[in-house]
Protein backbone atom coordinates (compact mmCIF):
# COMPACT_ATOMS: atom_id res chain seq x y z
CA MET A 1 -10.94 -0.76 -27.65
CA GLY A 2 -9.47 -3.50 -25.62
CA ASP A 3 -8.35 -3.72 -22.11
CA SER A 4 -4.90 -3.47 -22.99
CA ASP A 5 -5.51 -0.30 -25.18
CA ARG A 6 -6.78 1.56 -22.19
CA THR A 7 -4.09 3.18 -19.81
CA VAL A 8 -4.05 3.36 -16.04
CA LEU A 9 -2.69 6.01 -14.05
CA VAL A 10 -1.86 4.64 -10.56
CA VAL A 11 -0.61 8.02 -8.05
CA ASP A 12 0.29 6.60 -4.81
CA ASP A 13 3.29 7.74 -2.34
CA ASP A 14 2.89 3.90 -0.53
CA PRO A 15 5.66 1.59 -2.54
CA ILE A 16 3.59 -1.10 -1.32
CA VAL A 17 -0.01 0.11 -2.57
CA LEU A 18 1.70 0.97 -6.05
CA ALA A 19 2.41 -2.37 -6.87
CA SER A 20 0.33 -4.08 -5.53
CA ALA A 21 -2.46 -1.33 -8.09
CA GLU A 22 -0.55 -1.70 -10.78
CA GLU A 23 0.14 -5.76 -10.20
CA ARG A 24 -4.50 -6.39 -10.00
CA LEU A 25 -4.82 -3.56 -12.77
CA HIS A 26 -2.48 -5.43 -14.86
CA SER A 27 -3.93 -8.97 -14.16
CA LEU A 28 -7.02 -7.35 -15.11
CA GLY A 29 -5.93 -6.32 -18.76
CA PHE A 30 -4.99 -2.66 -18.44
CA LYS A 31 -1.72 -1.41 -19.71
CA VAL A 32 -0.66 0.69 -16.44
CA THR A 33 1.85 3.90 -15.69
CA THR A 34 2.85 4.78 -12.28
CA ARG A 35 3.60 7.53 -10.61
CA ASP A 36 5.12 8.53 -6.65
CA GLN A 37 4.49 11.60 -6.10
CA VAL A 38 2.06 14.47 -7.41
CA LEU A 39 3.73 17.15 -8.59
CA GLY A 40 4.20 16.72 -12.32
CA THR A 41 1.05 15.10 -12.87
CA SER A 42 -1.50 17.25 -13.77
CA GLN A 43 1.19 17.54 -17.01
CA TRP A 44 2.16 14.09 -17.93
CA ILE A 45 -1.66 13.70 -17.41
CA VAL A 46 -2.75 16.50 -19.82
CA GLN A 47 0.37 15.20 -22.17
CA ASN A 48 -0.30 11.47 -22.07
CA GLN A 49 -4.32 11.16 -21.60
CA PRO A 50 -5.02 8.27 -18.95
CA TRP A 51 -8.02 6.76 -19.55
CA LEU A 52 -8.35 6.35 -15.74
CA ILE A 53 -6.48 7.79 -13.05
CA LEU A 54 -6.57 5.73 -9.47
CA LEU A 55 -5.39 8.49 -7.41
CA ASP A 56 -4.30 8.32 -3.09
CA VAL A 57 -6.07 10.73 -1.51
CA MET A 58 -3.46 10.77 1.00
CA MET A 59 -0.36 12.21 -1.03
CA PRO A 60 2.37 15.18 0.87
CA ALA A 61 2.42 18.88 -1.09
CA MET A 62 -0.98 18.16 -2.66
CA SER A 63 -3.50 15.81 -1.84
CA GLY A 64 -5.54 13.94 -4.68
CA GLY A 65 -8.69 15.28 -3.32
CA GLU A 66 -7.16 18.48 -4.84
CA LEU A 67 -4.94 16.72 -7.64
CA ALA A 68 -8.60 15.68 -8.99
CA SER A 69 -10.33 19.43 -8.16
CA PHE A 70 -7.43 20.88 -10.14
CA LEU A 71 -7.88 17.84 -13.28
CA ARG A 72 -11.69 18.57 -13.16
CA ARG A 73 -11.45 22.60 -13.24
CA ARG A 74 -8.64 22.11 -16.31
CA GLY A 75 -11.03 19.95 -18.72
CA ILE A 76 -9.27 16.70 -17.86
CA LYS A 77 -11.70 14.05 -19.00
CA ALA A 78 -10.00 10.98 -18.01
CA HIS A 79 -11.56 9.40 -15.31
CA ILE A 80 -10.97 9.62 -11.64
CA VAL A 81 -11.16 7.27 -9.39
CA LEU A 82 -10.39 7.72 -5.51
CA HIS A 83 -8.49 5.04 -3.38
CA SER A 84 -7.84 5.68 0.63
CA SER A 85 -8.18 4.07 3.78
CA LYS A 86 -10.37 6.99 4.47
CA ASP A 87 -13.61 6.70 5.82
CA LEU A 88 -16.31 5.25 3.14
CA ARG A 89 -19.15 8.28 4.07
CA GLU A 90 -15.55 10.86 4.43
CA LEU A 91 -15.04 9.27 0.69
CA ALA A 92 -18.64 9.45 -1.09
CA HIS A 93 -18.06 13.37 0.04
CA LEU A 94 -14.77 13.25 -1.52
CA VAL A 95 -16.44 11.68 -4.28
CA GLN A 96 -19.07 14.16 -5.23
CA SER A 97 -17.17 17.54 -4.29
CA THR A 98 -14.16 16.13 -6.77
CA GLY A 99 -16.31 14.92 -9.42
CA ALA A 100 -14.26 11.74 -9.05
CA LEU A 101 -15.97 8.52 -10.90
CA GLY A 102 -15.97 6.79 -7.46
CA ALA A 103 -13.37 5.30 -4.79
CA ILE A 104 -11.69 2.29 -3.89
CA PRO A 105 -10.83 1.89 -0.08
CA LYS A 106 -7.63 0.82 0.46
CA GLY A 107 -6.76 -2.95 2.43
CA LEU A 108 -9.79 -5.31 0.26
CA ASP A 109 -8.12 -8.59 -1.80
CA ASP A 110 -7.66 -9.27 -4.69
CA LYS A 111 -11.20 -9.70 -5.68
CA GLN A 112 -13.08 -7.70 -3.92
CA PHE A 113 -10.89 -5.21 -5.50
CA GLU A 114 -11.83 -6.51 -8.98
CA ARG A 115 -15.40 -5.94 -7.45
CA GLU A 116 -14.96 -2.38 -7.46
CA PHE A 117 -13.12 -1.72 -9.84
CA ASN A 118 -14.92 -3.23 -12.25
CA ASN A 119 -18.36 -2.09 -10.66
CA LEU A 120 -16.91 2.11 -11.01
CA THR A 121 -15.62 1.00 -14.32
CA ARG A 122 -18.93 -0.63 -16.20
CA ALA A 123 -20.30 2.54 -17.26
CA VAL A 124 -17.43 4.09 -18.02
CA SER A 125 -16.55 0.64 -20.21
CA SER A 126 -18.63 0.65 -23.35
């Protein structure tokens, strides 16, 4: 399966971050779908089964961490990568507590984002 066959869902309430992540993932060859709110996202995920979810941690209504935990409790197998400007130690704890694949800090340039994304997904891309 090539990267273009894999859908990455990006969930972020910031339109600039959402557009930037979408562009970066498209440039890596992925099919990208975006959502600007958490509400209704779990249902979309169940229906569409994306390969990976790039999930903002700080969202209104329900945090990305809460959504990630909810998806795991429901048995959703999509890979989850948290995306946040939170402190790296706090992110590491959130990754562990939610069962996420890992986390990518916000604010990285294109090359750093690509390197972090590839490092996290290398093991699950085979």
